[in-house]
Amino acid sequence: MVVASTPETTNPVSGQCEANGVPCISSVAPWHPWFFGQQKDPAKPVAFKYAYHFFWGLEDIEQVFFDMWETIPTNKKVGGLFPNDGDGNAWGDPKLGFPSFFGPKGYKIVDPGRFQSGTQDFSAQISKYKSAEAQILTGVPIPPDFTNFWKQASQQGLVPKIASVGKALLFPSSVEALGSIGEGMSTEYWWGPTHPFTSSLTGQSAKALADAYTASTKKQWTQPIGFVHALFEVAADVLKRAKDGKPNSIIDAVKSTNLNTIVGPIQWTGQPFPNVAKIKLVGGQWKKATQFPFELVVVSNKALPGVPVAGQLEPIPVSS
């Protein structure tokens, strides 16, 4: 079984596979809410037998955001927009999330508390960010919620210098929905056409795969394309190497995976946990473009120097 996209999707599928002895490989969900979110006691985690995962973790996105934020002078006060879901609870966790990483580095996370996805009025959060004079905004809301929040923030005079937001700014359509105030949004950058990797299935480069998607759909490439492709790369590689079709044979092949994919090398080394394989991140900013309204430009590549930087993080235009 292969599955992707957010803990709300990956976790129940992985959990059922684990319970029924079905090998499962998942992706496109930060490994913290995937792994710890399925533990009876997160303080004493237990490795899974059948469920395996590859993606980045909170420590990776925190480092990328920090690298970007350090390039622009701010008062280091950060508004945290965290929903009441797997991602939001992980990001906002005082001991394991953003506060524990950024606090020691001099940043203060202004956290109004969890909000329910589908919230229409963000006046309370905006008021708290304004009163705290937050010059940075971060969070991990779903796209419609961030669209509502950002438009209300603009109307109420909240325009931080930096807005680095996960999930909501993943797709070009989400940024386009903001109109002119979408310019300058920044986010983690998982995969794109300038990544120096090729598919083990087709031999396509990252750029060739992205271009093929655009040519076929007439739409802008999106980051999950690479990871969905990589899921099938890993599945094909595992099944090719498995001694037979029995679950334990398949899991043995998963454990010994050492594959160069369209999103980079994938290998379960036992770190940070036996069921987790880490992927490296860069940072990007949505800037005005020509072929499409906005394009995601790499502005930070410390974790993955092979991805070329194409610009620098710029403050959000005040006029927007």
C-alpha atoms as a PDB file:
ATOM      1  CA  MET A   1       0.000   0.000   0.000  1.00  0.00           C
ATOM      2  CA  VAL A   2       1.233   3.511  -0.818  1.00  0.00           C
ATOM      3  CA  VAL A   3      -0.412   6.638   0.587  1.00  0.00           C
ATOM      4  CA  ALA A   4       0.317  10.363   0.633  1.00  0.00           C
ATOM      5  CA  SER A   5      -0.795  13.757   1.878  1.00  0.00           C
ATOM      6  CA  THR A   6      -1.287  15.088   5.435  1.00  0.00           C
ATOM      7  CA  PRO A   7      -1.434  13.088   8.688  1.00  0.00           C
ATOM      8  CA  GLU A   8      -5.235  12.987   8.392  1.00  0.00           C
ATOM      9  CA  THR A   9      -4.760  10.749   5.338  1.00  0.00           C
ATOM     10  CA  THR A  10      -1.488   8.924   5.959  1.00  0.00           C
ATOM     11  CA  ASN A  11      -2.008   8.005   9.619  1.00  0.00           C
ATOM     12  CA  PRO A  12      -5.269   6.045   9.408  1.00  0.00           C
ATOM     13  CA  VAL A  13      -4.038   4.178   6.326  1.00  0.00           C
ATOM     14  CA  SER A  14      -0.668   3.394   7.906  1.00  0.00           C
ATOM     15  CA  GLY A  15      -2.404   2.396  11.132  1.00  0.00           C
ATOM     16  CA  GLN A  16      -4.746  -0.031   9.421  1.00  0.00           C
ATOM     17  CA  CYS A  17      -1.889  -1.540   7.430  1.00  0.00           C
ATOM     18  CA  GLU A  18       0.136  -1.962  10.626  1.00  0.00           C
ATOM     19  CA  ALA A  19      -2.799  -3.611  12.376  1.00  0.00           C
ATOM     20  CA  ASN A  20      -3.459  -5.994   9.475  1.00  0.00           C
ATOM     21  CA  GLY A  21       0.115  -6.863   8.540  1.00  0.00           C
ATOM     22  CA  VAL A  22       0.118  -5.070   5.176  1.00  0.00           C
ATOM     23  CA  PRO A  23       3.365  -3.364   4.094  1.00  0.00           C
ATOM     24  CA  CYS A  24       2.767   0.387   3.696  1.00  0.00           C
ATOM     25  CA  ILE A  25       4.932   3.247   2.455  1.00  0.00           C
ATOM     26  CA  SER A  26       3.709   6.806   2.986  1.00  0.00           C
ATOM     27  CA  SER A  27       4.876  10.342   2.270  1.00  0.00           C
ATOM     28  CA  VAL A  28       3.810  14.008   2.000  1.00  0.00           C
ATOM     29  CA  ALA A  29       3.256  14.407   5.756  1.00  0.00           C
ATOM     30  CA  PRO A  30       5.913  15.673   8.193  1.00  0.00           C
ATOM     31  CA  TRP A  31       7.343  12.664   9.993  1.00  0.00           C
ATOM     32  CA  HIS A  32       6.624  13.992  13.519  1.00  0.00           C
ATOM     33  CA  PRO A  33       2.798  13.912  13.325  1.00  0.00           C
ATOM     34  CA  TRP A  34       2.996  10.715  11.257  1.00  0.00           C
ATOM     35  CA  PHE A  35       5.200   8.822  13.705  1.00  0.00           C
ATOM     36  CA  PHE A  36       4.333  10.303  17.095  1.00  0.00           C
ATOM     37  CA  GLY A  37       0.696  10.778  16.115  1.00  0.00           C
ATOM     38  CA  GLN A  38       0.293   7.005  15.973  1.00  0.00           C
ATOM     39  CA  GLN A  39       2.003   6.230  19.286  1.00  0.00           C
ATOM     40  CA  LYS A  40       0.089   5.152  22.379  1.00  0.00           C
ATOM     41  CA  ASP A  41       2.706   7.010  24.437  1.00  0.00           C
ATOM     42  CA  PRO A  42       4.687   9.558  22.375  1.00  0.00           C
ATOM     43  CA  ALA A  43       7.199   9.814  25.229  1.00  0.00           C
ATOM     44  CA  LYS A  44       8.041   6.137  24.730  1.00  0.00           C
ATOM     45  CA  PRO A  45       7.739   5.572  20.964  1.00  0.00           C
ATOM     46  CA  VAL A  46       7.652   2.063  19.561  1.00  0.00           C
ATOM     47  CA  ALA A  47       8.824   1.209  16.046  1.00  0.00           C
ATOM     48  CA  PHE A  48       6.282  -0.076  13.540  1.00  0.00           C
ATOM     49  CA  LYS A  49       6.659  -3.403  11.753  1.00  0.00           C
ATOM     50  CA  TYR A  50       4.812  -2.740   8.499  1.00  0.00           C
ATOM     51  CA  ALA A  51       4.489   1.061   8.158  1.00  0.00           C
ATOM     52  CA  TYR A  52       7.341   3.112   6.673  1.00  0.00           C
ATOM     53  CA  HIS A  53       7.513   6.775   5.760  1.00  0.00           C
ATOM     54  CA  PHE A  54       9.761   9.211   3.868  1.00  0.00           C
ATOM     55  CA  PHE A  55       9.515  12.984   4.106  1.00  0.00           C
ATOM     56  CA  TRP A  56      10.987  15.890   6.034  1.00  0.00           C
ATOM     57  CA  GLY A  57      10.351  16.769   9.670  1.00  0.00           C
ATOM     58  CA  LEU A  58       9.641  19.821  11.798  1.00  0.00           C
ATOM     59  CA  GLU A  59      13.345  20.226  12.498  1.00  0.00           C
ATOM     60  CA  ASP A  60      13.923  20.669   8.778  1.00  0.00           C
ATOM     61  CA  ILE A  61      11.218  23.259   8.173  1.00  0.00           C
ATOM     62  CA  GLU A  62      12.227  25.112  11.346  1.00  0.00           C
ATOM     63  CA  GLN A  63      15.814  25.352  10.118  1.00  0.00           C
ATOM     64  CA  VAL A  64      14.746  26.505   6.645  1.00  0.00           C
ATOM     65  CA  PHE A  65      12.441  29.168   8.084  1.00  0.00           C
ATOM     66  CA  PHE A  66      15.177  30.297  10.475  1.00  0.00           C
ATOM     67  CA  ASP A  67      17.690  30.566   7.625  1.00  0.00           C
ATOM     68  CA  MET A  68      15.244  32.725   5.661  1.00  0.00           C
ATOM     69  CA  TRP A  69      14.161  34.899   8.601  1.00  0.00           C
ATOM     70  CA  GLU A  70      17.733  35.710   9.566  1.00  0.00           C
ATOM     71  CA  THR A  71      18.260  37.496   6.241  1.00  0.00           C
ATOM     72  CA  ILE A  72      15.760  40.271   7.069  1.00  0.00           C
ATOM     73  CA  PRO A  73      15.975  42.496  10.196  1.00  0.00           C
ATOM     74  CA  THR A  74      12.874  42.031  12.401  1.00  0.00           C
ATOM     75  CA  ASN A  75      11.884  42.295  16.060  1.00  0.00           C
ATOM     76  CA  LYS A  76      11.763  38.466  16.093  1.00  0.00           C
ATOM     77  CA  LYS A  77       8.139  38.374  17.224  1.00  0.00           C
ATOM     78  CA  VAL A  78       6.299  35.635  15.324  1.00  0.00           C
ATOM     79  CA  GLY A  79       2.546  35.166  15.002  1.00  0.00           C
ATOM     80  CA  GLY A  80       1.725  31.446  15.035  1.00  0.00           C
ATOM     81  CA  LEU A  81      -1.388  30.411  13.083  1.00  0.00           C
ATOM     82  CA  PHE A  82      -1.849  26.794  14.168  1.00  0.00           C
ATOM     83  CA  PRO A  83      -5.039  24.822  13.417  1.00  0.00           C
ATOM     84  CA  ASN A  84      -6.439  22.103  15.645  1.00  0.00           C
ATOM     85  CA  ASP A  85      -5.215  19.192  13.518  1.00  0.00           C
ATOM     86  CA  GLY A  86      -2.206  16.887  13.341  1.00  0.00           C
ATOM     87  CA  ASP A  87       0.080  19.438  11.703  1.00  0.00           C
ATOM     88  CA  GLY A  88      -1.057  22.425  13.765  1.00  0.00           C
ATOM     89  CA  ASN A  89      -0.747  20.618  17.076  1.00  0.00           C
ATOM     90  CA  ALA A  90       2.745  19.416  16.159  1.00  0.00           C
ATOM     91  CA  TRP A  91       3.938  22.848  14.993  1.00  0.00           C
ATOM     92  CA  GLY A  92       2.531  24.660  18.019  1.00  0.00           C
ATOM     93  CA  ASP A  93       3.618  22.126  20.648  1.00  0.00           C
ATOM     94  CA  PRO A  94       5.579  24.056  23.329  1.00  0.00           C
ATOM     95  CA  LYS A  95       8.042  21.212  23.918  1.00  0.00           C
ATOM     96  CA  LEU A  96       8.430  19.650  20.466  1.00  0.00           C
ATOM     97  CA  GLY A  97       7.261  22.338  18.027  1.00  0.00           C
ATOM     98  CA  PHE A  98       8.225  25.827  16.876  1.00  0.00           C
ATOM     99  CA  PRO A  99       8.422  27.423  20.366  1.00  0.00           C
ATOM    100  CA  SER A 100      11.133  25.010  21.510  1.00  0.00           C
ATOM    101  CA  PHE A 101      13.237  25.617  18.387  1.00  0.00           C
ATOM    102  CA  PHE A 102      12.870  29.371  17.950  1.00  0.00           C
ATOM    103  CA  GLY A 103      12.754  30.389  21.614  1.00  0.00           C
ATOM    104  CA  PRO A 104      16.440  29.684  22.299  1.00  0.00           C
ATOM    105  CA  LYS A 105      17.311  31.597  19.132  1.00  0.00           C
ATOM    106  CA  GLY A 106      15.678  34.774  20.419  1.00  0.00           C
ATOM    107  CA  TYR A 107      12.340  34.499  18.632  1.00  0.00           C
ATOM    108  CA  LYS A 108       9.030  34.732  20.484  1.00  0.00           C
ATOM    109  CA  ILE A 109       6.090  32.726  19.121  1.00  0.00           C
ATOM    110  CA  VAL A 110       2.811  34.582  19.714  1.00  0.00           C
ATOM    111  CA  ASP A 111       0.291  31.733  19.890  1.00  0.00           C
ATOM    112  CA  PRO A 112      -3.429  32.619  20.223  1.00  0.00           C
ATOM    113  CA  GLY A 113      -4.288  28.921  20.573  1.00  0.00           C
ATOM    114  CA  ARG A 114      -5.668  26.362  18.152  1.00  0.00           C
ATOM    115  CA  PHE A 115      -8.469  27.254  15.769  1.00  0.00           C
ATOM    116  CA  GLN A 116     -10.848  24.906  13.980  1.00  0.00           C
ATOM    117  CA  SER A 117     -10.359  24.403  10.260  1.00  0.00           C
ATOM    118  CA  GLY A 118     -13.142  26.226   8.439  1.00  0.00           C
ATOM    119  CA  THR A 119     -13.004  29.245  10.746  1.00  0.00           C
ATOM    120  CA  GLN A 120     -14.397  32.316   8.982  1.00  0.00           C
ATOM    121  CA  ASP A 121     -13.410  35.123  11.351  1.00  0.00           C
ATOM    122  CA  PHE A 122      -9.761  35.566  12.360  1.00  0.00           C
ATOM    123  CA  SER A 123     -10.186  38.936  14.080  1.00  0.00           C
ATOM    124  CA  ALA A 124      -9.092  37.547  17.461  1.00  0.00           C
ATOM    125  CA  GLN A 125      -5.844  36.155  16.078  1.00  0.00           C
ATOM    126  CA  ILE A 126      -5.105  39.281  14.061  1.00  0.00           C
ATOM    127  CA  SER A 127      -5.710  41.478  17.094  1.00  0.00           C
ATOM    128  CA  LYS A 128      -3.276  39.441  19.174  1.00  0.00           C
ATOM    129  CA  TYR A 129      -0.568  39.564  16.503  1.00  0.00           C
ATOM    130  CA  LYS A 130      -1.004  43.316  16.115  1.00  0.00           C
ATOM    131  CA  SER A 131      -0.881  43.976  19.858  1.00  0.00           C
ATOM    132  CA  ALA A 132       2.310  41.899  20.085  1.00  0.00           C
ATOM    133  CA  GLU A 133       3.744  43.820  17.091  1.00  0.00           C
ATOM    134  CA  ALA A 134       4.557  40.551  15.316  1.00  0.00           C
ATOM    135  CA  GLN A 135       6.685  41.215  12.247  1.00  0.00           C
ATOM    136  CA  ILE A 136       6.724  37.567  11.146  1.00  0.00           C
ATOM    137  CA  LEU A 137       3.778  35.280  10.485  1.00  0.00           C
ATOM    138  CA  THR A 138       3.987  31.500  10.340  1.00  0.00           C
ATOM    139  CA  GLY A 139       1.613  28.560  10.546  1.00  0.00           C
ATOM    140  CA  VAL A 140       0.218  25.523   8.786  1.00  0.00           C
ATOM    141  CA  PRO A 141      -3.465  26.170   7.912  1.00  0.00           C
ATOM    142  CA  ILE A 142      -5.350  24.685   4.975  1.00  0.00           C
ATOM    143  CA  PRO A 143      -5.509  26.973   1.891  1.00  0.00           C
ATOM    144  CA  PRO A 144      -9.083  28.314   2.338  1.00  0.00           C
ATOM    145  CA  ASP A 145      -8.396  29.259   5.949  1.00  0.00           C
ATOM    146  CA  PHE A 146      -5.217  31.113   5.081  1.00  0.00           C
ATOM    147  CA  THR A 147      -6.951  32.929   2.229  1.00  0.00           C
ATOM    148  CA  ASN A 148      -9.586  34.175   4.695  1.00  0.00           C
ATOM    149  CA  PHE A 149      -6.975  35.035   7.308  1.00  0.00           C
ATOM    150  CA  TRP A 150      -4.608  36.890   4.978  1.00  0.00           C
ATOM    151  CA  LYS A 151      -7.341  38.956   3.343  1.00  0.00           C
ATOM    152  CA  GLN A 152      -8.731  39.907   6.765  1.00  0.00           C
ATOM    153  CA  ALA A 153      -5.225  40.690   8.007  1.00  0.00           C
ATOM    154  CA  SER A 154      -4.661  43.018   5.065  1.00  0.00           C
ATOM    155  CA  GLN A 155      -7.995  44.726   5.662  1.00  0.00           C
ATOM    156  CA  GLN A 156      -7.196  45.176   9.356  1.00  0.00           C
ATOM    157  CA  GLY A 157      -3.734  46.579   8.750  1.00  0.00           C
ATOM    158  CA  LEU A 158      -1.593  43.575   9.629  1.00  0.00           C
ATOM    159  CA  VAL A 159       1.210  43.315   7.069  1.00  0.00           C
ATOM    160  CA  PRO A 160       4.228  41.556   8.605  1.00  0.00           C
ATOM    161  CA  LYS A 161       7.641  41.767   7.005  1.00  0.00           C
ATOM    162  CA  ILE A 162       7.713  37.991   6.497  1.00  0.00           C
ATOM    163  CA  ALA A 163       4.998  35.355   6.109  1.00  0.00           C
ATOM    164  CA  SER A 164       6.411  31.828   5.973  1.00  0.00           C
ATOM    165  CA  VAL A 165       3.510  29.408   5.909  1.00  0.00           C
ATOM    166  CA  GLY A 166       3.344  25.666   5.318  1.00  0.00           C
ATOM    167  CA  LYS A 167       0.574  23.708   3.573  1.00  0.00           C
ATOM    168  CA  ALA A 168      -1.554  26.749   2.597  1.00  0.00           C
ATOM    169  CA  LEU A 169       1.074  28.094   0.184  1.00  0.00           C
ATOM    170  CA  LEU A 170       1.867  24.747  -1.378  1.00  0.00           C
ATOM    171  CA  PHE A 171      -0.129  25.197  -4.591  1.00  0.00           C
ATOM    172  CA  PRO A 172       0.129  28.106  -7.050  1.00  0.00           C
ATOM    173  CA  SER A 173      -3.670  28.354  -7.126  1.00  0.00           C
ATOM    174  CA  SER A 174      -3.697  29.119  -3.397  1.00  0.00           C
ATOM    175  CA  VAL A 175      -1.324  32.035  -3.876  1.00  0.00           C
ATOM    176  CA  GLU A 176      -3.253  33.265  -6.917  1.00  0.00           C
ATOM    177  CA  ALA A 177      -6.437  33.243  -4.809  1.00  0.00           C
ATOM    178  CA  LEU A 178      -4.865  35.994  -2.699  1.00  0.00           C
ATOM    179  CA  GLY A 179      -4.489  38.307  -5.679  1.00  0.00           C
ATOM    180  CA  SER A 180      -1.887  41.051  -5.381  1.00  0.00           C
ATOM    181  CA  ILE A 181      -1.400  40.389  -1.646  1.00  0.00           C
ATOM    182  CA  GLY A 182      -0.012  36.946  -2.522  1.00  0.00           C
ATOM    183  CA  GLU A 183       3.298  38.458  -3.583  1.00  0.00           C
ATOM    184  CA  GLY A 184       6.136  37.794  -1.157  1.00  0.00           C
ATOM    185  CA  MET A 185       4.700  34.776   0.637  1.00  0.00           C
ATOM    186  CA  SER A 186       7.419  32.286   1.590  1.00  0.00           C
ATOM    187  CA  THR A 187       7.299  28.600   2.371  1.00  0.00           C
ATOM    188  CA  GLU A 188       9.262  25.392   2.568  1.00  0.00           C
ATOM    189  CA  TYR A 189      10.291  24.075  -0.828  1.00  0.00           C
ATOM    190  CA  TRP A 190      10.225  20.251  -1.006  1.00  0.00           C
ATOM    191  CA  TRP A 191      10.782  19.656  -4.695  1.00  0.00           C
ATOM    192  CA  GLY A 192      10.819  21.514  -7.977  1.00  0.00           C
ATOM    193  CA  PRO A 193      12.286  21.629 -11.496  1.00  0.00           C
ATOM    194  CA  THR A 194      15.724  22.817 -10.342  1.00  0.00           C
ATOM    195  CA  HIS A 195      16.308  19.881  -7.980  1.00  0.00           C
ATOM    196  CA  PRO A 196      19.276  17.866  -9.323  1.00  0.00           C
ATOM    197  CA  PHE A 197      17.560  14.464  -9.244  1.00  0.00           C
ATOM    198  CA  THR A 198      16.229  11.980 -11.777  1.00  0.00           C
ATOM    199  CA  SER A 199      13.565   9.272 -11.727  1.00  0.00           C
ATOM    200  CA  SER A 200      14.720   5.684 -11.268  1.00  0.00           C
ATOM    201  CA  LEU A 201      11.655   4.610 -13.282  1.00  0.00           C
ATOM    202  CA  THR A 202      11.694   6.891 -16.313  1.00  0.00           C
ATOM    203  CA  GLY A 203      15.093   8.563 -16.260  1.00  0.00           C
ATOM    204  CA  GLN A 204      13.383  11.965 -16.329  1.00  0.00           C
ATOM    205  CA  SER A 205      15.017  14.874 -14.569  1.00  0.00           C
ATOM    206  CA  ALA A 206      13.001  16.909 -12.085  1.00  0.00           C
ATOM    207  CA  LYS A 207      12.697  19.638 -14.722  1.00  0.00           C
ATOM    208  CA  ALA A 208      11.526  17.171 -17.371  1.00  0.00           C
ATOM    209  CA  LEU A 209       8.834  15.795 -15.071  1.00  0.00           C
ATOM    210  CA  ALA A 210       7.623  19.288 -14.129  1.00  0.00           C
ATOM    211  CA  ASP A 211       7.636  20.403 -17.760  1.00  0.00           C
ATOM    212  CA  ALA A 212       5.749  17.269 -18.829  1.00  0.00           C
ATOM    213  CA  TYR A 213       3.068  17.998 -16.246  1.00  0.00           C
ATOM    214  CA  THR A 214       2.663  21.573 -17.476  1.00  0.00           C
ATOM    215  CA  ALA A 215       2.609  20.511 -21.120  1.00  0.00           C
ATOM    216  CA  SER A 216      -0.035  17.869 -20.433  1.00  0.00           C
ATOM    217  CA  THR A 217      -2.313  19.871 -18.125  1.00  0.00           C
ATOM    218  CA  LYS A 218      -1.509  23.474 -19.134  1.00  0.00           C
ATOM    219  CA  LYS A 219      -1.158  24.085 -15.400  1.00  0.00           C
ATOM    220  CA  GLN A 220       1.799  25.067 -13.245  1.00  0.00           C
ATOM    221  CA  TRP A 221       3.837  22.245 -11.676  1.00  0.00           C
ATOM    222  CA  THR A 222       3.275  21.547  -7.972  1.00  0.00           C
ATOM    223  CA  GLN A 223       5.578  20.163  -5.303  1.00  0.00           C
ATOM    224  CA  PRO A 224       3.661  16.929  -4.514  1.00  0.00           C
ATOM    225  CA  ILE A 225       4.169  15.708  -8.089  1.00  0.00           C
ATOM    226  CA  GLY A 226       7.726  14.655  -7.297  1.00  0.00           C
ATOM    227  CA  PHE A 227       6.809  12.834  -4.096  1.00  0.00           C
ATOM    228  CA  VAL A 228       3.863  10.961  -5.572  1.00  0.00           C
ATOM    229  CA  HIS A 229       6.172   9.848  -8.375  1.00  0.00           C
ATOM    230  CA  ALA A 230       8.806   8.828  -5.815  1.00  0.00           C
ATOM    231  CA  LEU A 231       6.280   6.689  -3.916  1.00  0.00           C
ATOM    232  CA  PHE A 232       5.880   4.526  -7.009  1.00  0.00           C
ATOM    233  CA  GLU A 233       9.628   4.517  -7.587  1.00  0.00           C
ATOM    234  CA  VAL A 234      10.157   3.071  -4.116  1.00  0.00           C
ATOM    235  CA  ALA A 235       7.275   0.604  -4.455  1.00  0.00           C
ATOM    236  CA  ALA A 236       8.604  -0.699  -7.772  1.00  0.00           C
ATOM    237  CA  ASP A 237      12.138  -0.988  -6.394  1.00  0.00           C
ATOM    238  CA  VAL A 238      10.957  -2.835  -3.273  1.00  0.00           C
ATOM    239  CA  LEU A 239       8.804  -5.312  -5.185  1.00  0.00           C
ATOM    240  CA  LYS A 240      11.621  -5.952  -7.641  1.00  0.00           C
ATOM    241  CA  ARG A 241      14.019  -6.830  -4.814  1.00  0.00           C
ATOM    242  CA  ALA A 242      11.624  -8.757  -2.547  1.00  0.00           C
ATOM    243  CA  LYS A 243      12.273 -12.518  -2.451  1.00  0.00           C
ATOM    244  CA  ASP A 244       8.551 -13.206  -2.758  1.00  0.00           C
ATOM    245  CA  GLY A 245       5.177 -11.499  -2.285  1.00  0.00           C
ATOM    246  CA  LYS A 246       4.894 -12.291   1.402  1.00  0.00           C
ATOM    247  CA  PRO A 247       4.659  -9.289   3.796  1.00  0.00           C
ATOM    248  CA  ASN A 248       7.863 -10.083   5.682  1.00  0.00           C
ATOM    249  CA  SER A 249       9.850 -10.412   2.464  1.00  0.00           C
ATOM    250  CA  ILE A 250       8.509  -7.084   1.258  1.00  0.00           C
ATOM    251  CA  ILE A 251       9.382  -5.405   4.561  1.00  0.00           C
ATOM    252  CA  ASP A 252      12.915  -6.829   4.376  1.00  0.00           C
ATOM    253  CA  ALA A 253      13.234  -5.173   0.973  1.00  0.00           C
ATOM    254  CA  VAL A 254      11.872  -1.890   2.338  1.00  0.00           C
ATOM    255  CA  LYS A 255      14.462  -1.904   5.124  1.00  0.00           C
ATOM    256  CA  SER A 256      17.310  -2.399   2.656  1.00  0.00           C
ATOM    257  CA  THR A 257      16.135   0.345   0.270  1.00  0.00           C
ATOM    258  CA  ASN A 258      18.926   2.573  -1.027  1.00  0.00           C
ATOM    259  CA  LEU A 259      17.393   4.326  -4.014  1.00  0.00           C
ATOM    260  CA  ASN A 260      18.109   7.560  -5.845  1.00  0.00           C
ATOM    261  CA  THR A 261      14.716   9.012  -6.789  1.00  0.00           C
ATOM    262  CA  ILE A 262      13.245  12.129  -8.368  1.00  0.00           C
ATOM    263  CA  VAL A 263      13.153  13.702  -4.858  1.00  0.00           C
ATOM    264  CA  GLY A 264      16.623  12.541  -3.865  1.00  0.00           C
ATOM    265  CA  PRO A 265      18.120   9.495  -2.123  1.00  0.00           C
ATOM    266  CA  ILE A 266      15.759   7.403   0.011  1.00  0.00           C
ATOM    267  CA  GLN A 267      17.136   5.029   2.623  1.00  0.00           C
ATOM    268  CA  TRP A 268      15.822   3.854   5.991  1.00  0.00           C
ATOM    269  CA  THR A 269      18.961   4.112   8.114  1.00  0.00           C
ATOM    270  CA  GLY A 270      17.339   3.853  11.539  1.00  0.00           C
ATOM    271  CA  GLN A 271      17.586   7.603  12.130  1.00  0.00           C
ATOM    272  CA  PRO A 272      15.704   9.400  13.504  1.00  0.00           C
ATOM    273  CA  PHE A 273      13.600   6.215  13.847  1.00  0.00           C
ATOM    274  CA  PRO A 274      13.643   2.881  11.988  1.00  0.00           C
ATOM    275  CA  ASN A 275      10.412   3.693  10.127  1.00  0.00           C
ATOM    276  CA  VAL A 276      11.434   7.182   8.977  1.00  0.00           C
ATOM    277  CA  ALA A 277      13.611   8.227   6.022  1.00  0.00           C
ATOM    278  CA  LYS A 278      14.497  11.914   5.903  1.00  0.00           C
ATOM    279  CA  ILE A 279      14.291  14.232   2.873  1.00  0.00           C
ATOM    280  CA  LYS A 280      16.103  17.584   2.791  1.00  0.00           C
ATOM    281  CA  LEU A 281      14.392  20.952   2.308  1.00  0.00           C
ATOM    282  CA  VAL A 282      15.159  24.337   0.794  1.00  0.00           C
ATOM    283  CA  GLY A 283      13.241  27.596   1.194  1.00  0.00           C
ATOM    284  CA  GLY A 284      11.231  29.459  -1.437  1.00  0.00           C
ATOM    285  CA  GLN A 285       9.364  32.720  -1.954  1.00  0.00           C
ATOM    286  CA  TRP A 286       6.437  33.349  -4.282  1.00  0.00           C
ATOM    287  CA  LYS A 287       7.414  36.128  -6.678  1.00  0.00           C
ATOM    288  CA  LYS A 288       5.660  37.653  -9.693  1.00  0.00           C
ATOM    289  CA  ALA A 289       6.252  35.697 -12.885  1.00  0.00           C
ATOM    290  CA  THR A 290       5.558  35.846 -16.626  1.00  0.00           C
ATOM    291  CA  GLN A 291       4.097  32.505 -17.773  1.00  0.00           C
ATOM    292  CA  PHE A 292       2.024  32.251 -14.575  1.00  0.00           C
ATOM    293  CA  PRO A 293       1.018  34.948 -12.039  1.00  0.00           C
ATOM    294  CA  PHE A 294       3.536  33.741  -9.441  1.00  0.00           C
ATOM    295  CA  GLU A 295       6.470  31.351  -9.320  1.00  0.00           C
ATOM    296  CA  LEU A 296       8.192  29.759  -6.332  1.00  0.00           C
ATOM    297  CA  VAL A 297      11.802  30.941  -6.302  1.00  0.00           C
ATOM    298  CA  VAL A 298      14.503  29.203  -4.234  1.00  0.00           C
ATOM    299  CA  VAL A 299      15.910  31.731  -1.740  1.00  0.00           C
ATOM    300  CA  SER A 300      17.648  29.410   0.772  1.00  0.00           C
ATOM    301  CA  ASN A 301      19.538  26.192   0.055  1.00  0.00           C
ATOM    302  CA  LYS A 302      21.811  25.553   3.041  1.00  0.00           C
ATOM    303  CA  ALA A 303      20.505  22.021   3.579  1.00  0.00           C
ATOM    304  CA  LEU A 304      20.675  21.139  -0.115  1.00  0.00           C
ATOM    305  CA  PRO A 305      23.342  23.200  -1.922  1.00  0.00           C
ATOM    306  CA  GLY A 306      22.761  21.258  -5.124  1.00  0.00           C
ATOM    307  CA  VAL A 307      19.551  23.218  -5.644  1.00  0.00           C
ATOM    308  CA  PRO A 308      20.593  26.622  -7.039  1.00  0.00           C
ATOM    309  CA  VAL A 309      19.431  29.800  -5.301  1.00  0.00           C
ATOM    310  CA  ALA A 310      17.526  32.002  -7.760  1.00  0.00           C
ATOM    311  CA  GLY A 311      16.840  35.035  -5.572  1.00  0.00           C
ATOM    312  CA  GLN A 312      16.825  36.363  -2.039  1.00  0.00           C
ATOM    313  CA  LEU A 313      14.037  36.637   0.500  1.00  0.00           C
ATOM    314  CA  GLU A 314      12.452  40.060   0.228  1.00  0.00           C
ATOM    315  CA  PRO A 315      10.085  41.735   2.711  1.00  0.00           C
ATOM    316  CA  ILE A 316       6.392  41.565   1.857  1.00  0.00           C
ATOM    317  CA  PRO A 317       5.523  44.708  -0.118  1.00  0.00           C
ATOM    318  CA  VAL A 318       3.804  47.182   2.226  1.00  0.00           C
ATOM    319  CA  SER A 319       1.714  48.477  -0.654  1.00  0.00           C
ATOM    320  CA  SER A 320       0.130  45.008  -1.054  1.00  0.00           C
END
